[in-house]
Amino acid sequence: MTRGTNASTNTRMRNRPTLTIPDDARKQATASIRQYFADELGQEIGELKASLVLDYFLVELGPAVYNKAIADAKTFFDEWSADLGALCHHEEFPHAHRHPR
């Protein structure tokens, strides 16, 4: 069985684009995956296998996490902007209201 590598964050897996993460975050993530496999599963895996696991999760779970983050941000901004009028409203022509004619 031949395996292709997906070491680059700009590659495609199953013809779907992967989410990209910065190189330093990718290095930390693969190290974390290797540590997880060792601690929790008793398996030592190499850099390539950890990178493939990371690519798989970026493709499979990345969009769901991304969409949830966008929905949460939208909810936050919708709630914040709904309060914006009340928070930032200034009475217009205050002198005229104090001295009606």
C-alpha atoms as a PDB file:
ATOM      1  CA  MET A   1       0.000   0.000   0.000  1.00  0.00           C
ATOM      2  CA  THR A   2       1.455   3.333  -1.031  1.00  0.00           C
ATOM      3  CA  ARG A   3       0.822   6.422   1.011  1.00  0.00           C
ATOM      4  CA  GLY A   4       1.184   9.990  -0.202  1.00  0.00           C
ATOM      5  CA  THR A   5       2.333  12.626   2.201  1.00  0.00           C
ATOM      6  CA  ASN A   6       0.388  15.725   3.087  1.00  0.00           C
ATOM      7  CA  ALA A   7       3.147  17.541   4.925  1.00  0.00           C
ATOM      8  CA  SER A   8       2.291  20.922   3.444  1.00  0.00           C
ATOM      9  CA  THR A   9      -0.643  22.766   4.960  1.00  0.00           C
ATOM     10  CA  ASN A  10      -1.652  23.861   1.451  1.00  0.00           C
ATOM     11  CA  THR A  11      -2.163  20.346   0.104  1.00  0.00           C
ATOM     12  CA  ARG A  12      -5.479  18.699  -0.549  1.00  0.00           C
ATOM     13  CA  MET A  13      -6.825  15.569   1.063  1.00  0.00           C
ATOM     14  CA  ARG A  14      -9.480  13.696  -0.884  1.00  0.00           C
ATOM     15  CA  ASN A  15      -9.653  16.688  -3.259  1.00  0.00           C
ATOM     16  CA  ARG A  16     -10.815  18.985  -0.466  1.00  0.00           C
ATOM     17  CA  PRO A  17      -8.684  21.911   0.676  1.00  0.00           C
ATOM     18  CA  THR A  18      -7.332  21.659   4.185  1.00  0.00           C
ATOM     19  CA  LEU A  19      -7.477  24.478   6.659  1.00  0.00           C
ATOM     20  CA  THR A  20      -4.104  26.047   7.085  1.00  0.00           C
ATOM     21  CA  ILE A  21      -2.356  26.721  10.342  1.00  0.00           C
ATOM     22  CA  PRO A  22       0.944  28.534  10.902  1.00  0.00           C
ATOM     23  CA  ASP A  23       4.104  26.420  10.738  1.00  0.00           C
ATOM     24  CA  ASP A  24       4.876  26.879  14.434  1.00  0.00           C
ATOM     25  CA  ALA A  25       1.348  25.777  15.382  1.00  0.00           C
ATOM     26  CA  ARG A  26       1.694  22.777  13.044  1.00  0.00           C
ATOM     27  CA  LYS A  27       4.944  21.748  14.732  1.00  0.00           C
ATOM     28  CA  GLN A  28       3.359  22.059  18.173  1.00  0.00           C
ATOM     29  CA  ALA A  29       0.269  20.138  17.048  1.00  0.00           C
ATOM     30  CA  THR A  30       2.266  17.228  15.619  1.00  0.00           C
ATOM     31  CA  ALA A  31       4.373  17.080  18.786  1.00  0.00           C
ATOM     32  CA  SER A  32       1.176  17.051  20.841  1.00  0.00           C
ATOM     33  CA  ILE A  33      -0.312  14.271  18.690  1.00  0.00           C
ATOM     34  CA  ARG A  34       2.854  12.190  19.086  1.00  0.00           C
ATOM     35  CA  GLN A  35       2.736  12.717  22.851  1.00  0.00           C
ATOM     36  CA  TYR A  36      -0.951  11.805  22.993  1.00  0.00           C
ATOM     37  CA  PHE A  37      -0.375   8.569  21.099  1.00  0.00           C
ATOM     38  CA  ALA A  38       2.491   7.676  23.445  1.00  0.00           C
ATOM     39  CA  ASP A  39       0.677   8.585  26.679  1.00  0.00           C
ATOM     40  CA  GLU A  40      -2.859   7.445  25.925  1.00  0.00           C
ATOM     41  CA  LEU A  41      -2.429   4.673  23.381  1.00  0.00           C
ATOM     42  CA  GLY A  42       1.035   3.359  24.226  1.00  0.00           C
ATOM     43  CA  GLN A  43       2.146   3.874  20.620  1.00  0.00           C
ATOM     44  CA  GLU A  44       5.215   5.711  19.451  1.00  0.00           C
ATOM     45  CA  ILE A  45       4.482   7.385  16.119  1.00  0.00           C
ATOM     46  CA  GLY A  46       6.761   9.392  13.894  1.00  0.00           C
ATOM     47  CA  GLU A  47       6.522  12.888  12.542  1.00  0.00           C
ATOM     48  CA  LEU A  48       4.960  11.732   9.253  1.00  0.00           C
ATOM     49  CA  LYS A  49       2.182   9.745  10.909  1.00  0.00           C
ATOM     50  CA  ALA A  50       1.433  12.609  13.318  1.00  0.00           C
ATOM     51  CA  SER A  51       1.319  14.999  10.359  1.00  0.00           C
ATOM     52  CA  LEU A  52      -1.144  12.725   8.533  1.00  0.00           C
ATOM     53  CA  VAL A  53      -3.348  12.543  11.644  1.00  0.00           C
ATOM     54  CA  LEU A  54      -3.280  16.337  11.886  1.00  0.00           C
ATOM     55  CA  ASP A  55      -4.174  16.716   8.195  1.00  0.00           C
ATOM     56  CA  TYR A  56      -7.053  14.273   8.630  1.00  0.00           C
ATOM     57  CA  PHE A  57      -8.519  16.218  11.552  1.00  0.00           C
ATOM     58  CA  LEU A  58      -8.016  19.570   9.820  1.00  0.00           C
ATOM     59  CA  VAL A  59     -10.018  18.261   6.861  1.00  0.00           C
ATOM     60  CA  GLU A  60     -12.678  16.349   8.788  1.00  0.00           C
ATOM     61  CA  LEU A  61     -13.244  18.470  11.908  1.00  0.00           C
ATOM     62  CA  GLY A  62     -11.718  21.784  10.924  1.00  0.00           C
ATOM     63  CA  PRO A  63     -14.745  23.085   9.023  1.00  0.00           C
ATOM     64  CA  ALA A  64     -17.135  22.242  11.899  1.00  0.00           C
ATOM     65  CA  VAL A  65     -14.891  24.017  14.419  1.00  0.00           C
ATOM     66  CA  TYR A  66     -14.426  26.959  12.065  1.00  0.00           C
ATOM     67  CA  ASN A  67     -18.162  27.273  11.380  1.00  0.00           C
ATOM     68  CA  LYS A  68     -18.947  27.145  15.115  1.00  0.00           C
ATOM     69  CA  ALA A  69     -16.360  29.852  15.806  1.00  0.00           C
ATOM     70  CA  ILE A  70     -17.847  32.055  13.081  1.00  0.00           C
ATOM     71  CA  ALA A  71     -21.379  31.472  14.431  1.00  0.00           C
ATOM     72  CA  ASP A  72     -20.230  32.348  17.966  1.00  0.00           C
ATOM     73  CA  ALA A  73     -18.503  35.496  16.721  1.00  0.00           C
ATOM     74  CA  LYS A  74     -21.597  36.497  14.747  1.00  0.00           C
ATOM     75  CA  THR A  75     -23.804  35.990  17.815  1.00  0.00           C
ATOM     76  CA  PHE A  76     -21.421  38.095  19.909  1.00  0.00           C
ATOM     77  CA  PHE A  77     -21.357  40.934  17.389  1.00  0.00           C
ATOM     78  CA  ASP A  78     -25.112  40.760  16.803  1.00  0.00           C
ATOM     79  CA  GLU A  79     -25.732  41.083  20.561  1.00  0.00           C
ATOM     80  CA  TRP A  80     -23.132  43.817  20.911  1.00  0.00           C
ATOM     81  CA  SER A  81     -24.468  45.791  17.961  1.00  0.00           C
ATOM     82  CA  ALA A  82     -28.049  45.459  19.251  1.00  0.00           C
ATOM     83  CA  ASP A  83     -26.922  47.274  22.400  1.00  0.00           C
ATOM     84  CA  LEU A  84     -24.907  49.821  20.436  1.00  0.00           C
ATOM     85  CA  GLY A  85     -27.803  52.220  19.939  1.00  0.00           C
ATOM     86  CA  ALA A  86     -28.616  52.302  23.648  1.00  0.00           C
ATOM     87  CA  LEU A  87     -24.984  52.510  24.707  1.00  0.00           C
ATOM     88  CA  CYS A  88     -23.951  55.232  22.301  1.00  0.00           C
ATOM     89  CA  HIS A  89     -27.130  57.246  21.899  1.00  0.00           C
ATOM     90  CA  HIS A  90     -26.846  60.915  22.738  1.00  0.00           C
ATOM     91  CA  GLU A  91     -29.822  63.150  23.187  1.00  0.00           C
ATOM     92  CA  GLU A  92     -30.127  65.531  20.289  1.00  0.00           C
ATOM     93  CA  PHE A  93     -30.684  69.208  20.892  1.00  0.00           C
ATOM     94  CA  PRO A  94     -30.629  68.921  24.680  1.00  0.00           C
ATOM     95  CA  HIS A  95     -31.022  72.656  25.190  1.00  0.00           C
ATOM     96  CA  ALA A  96     -34.293  72.698  23.225  1.00  0.00           C
ATOM     97  CA  HIS A  97     -35.733  69.924  25.413  1.00  0.00           C
ATOM     98  CA  ARG A  98     -34.962  71.838  28.600  1.00  0.00           C
ATOM     99  CA  HIS A  99     -36.579  75.020  27.369  1.00  0.00           C
ATOM    100  CA  PRO A 100     -39.646  74.152  25.283  1.00  0.00           C
ATOM    101  CA  ARG A 101     -41.412  76.981  23.503  1.00  0.00           C
END
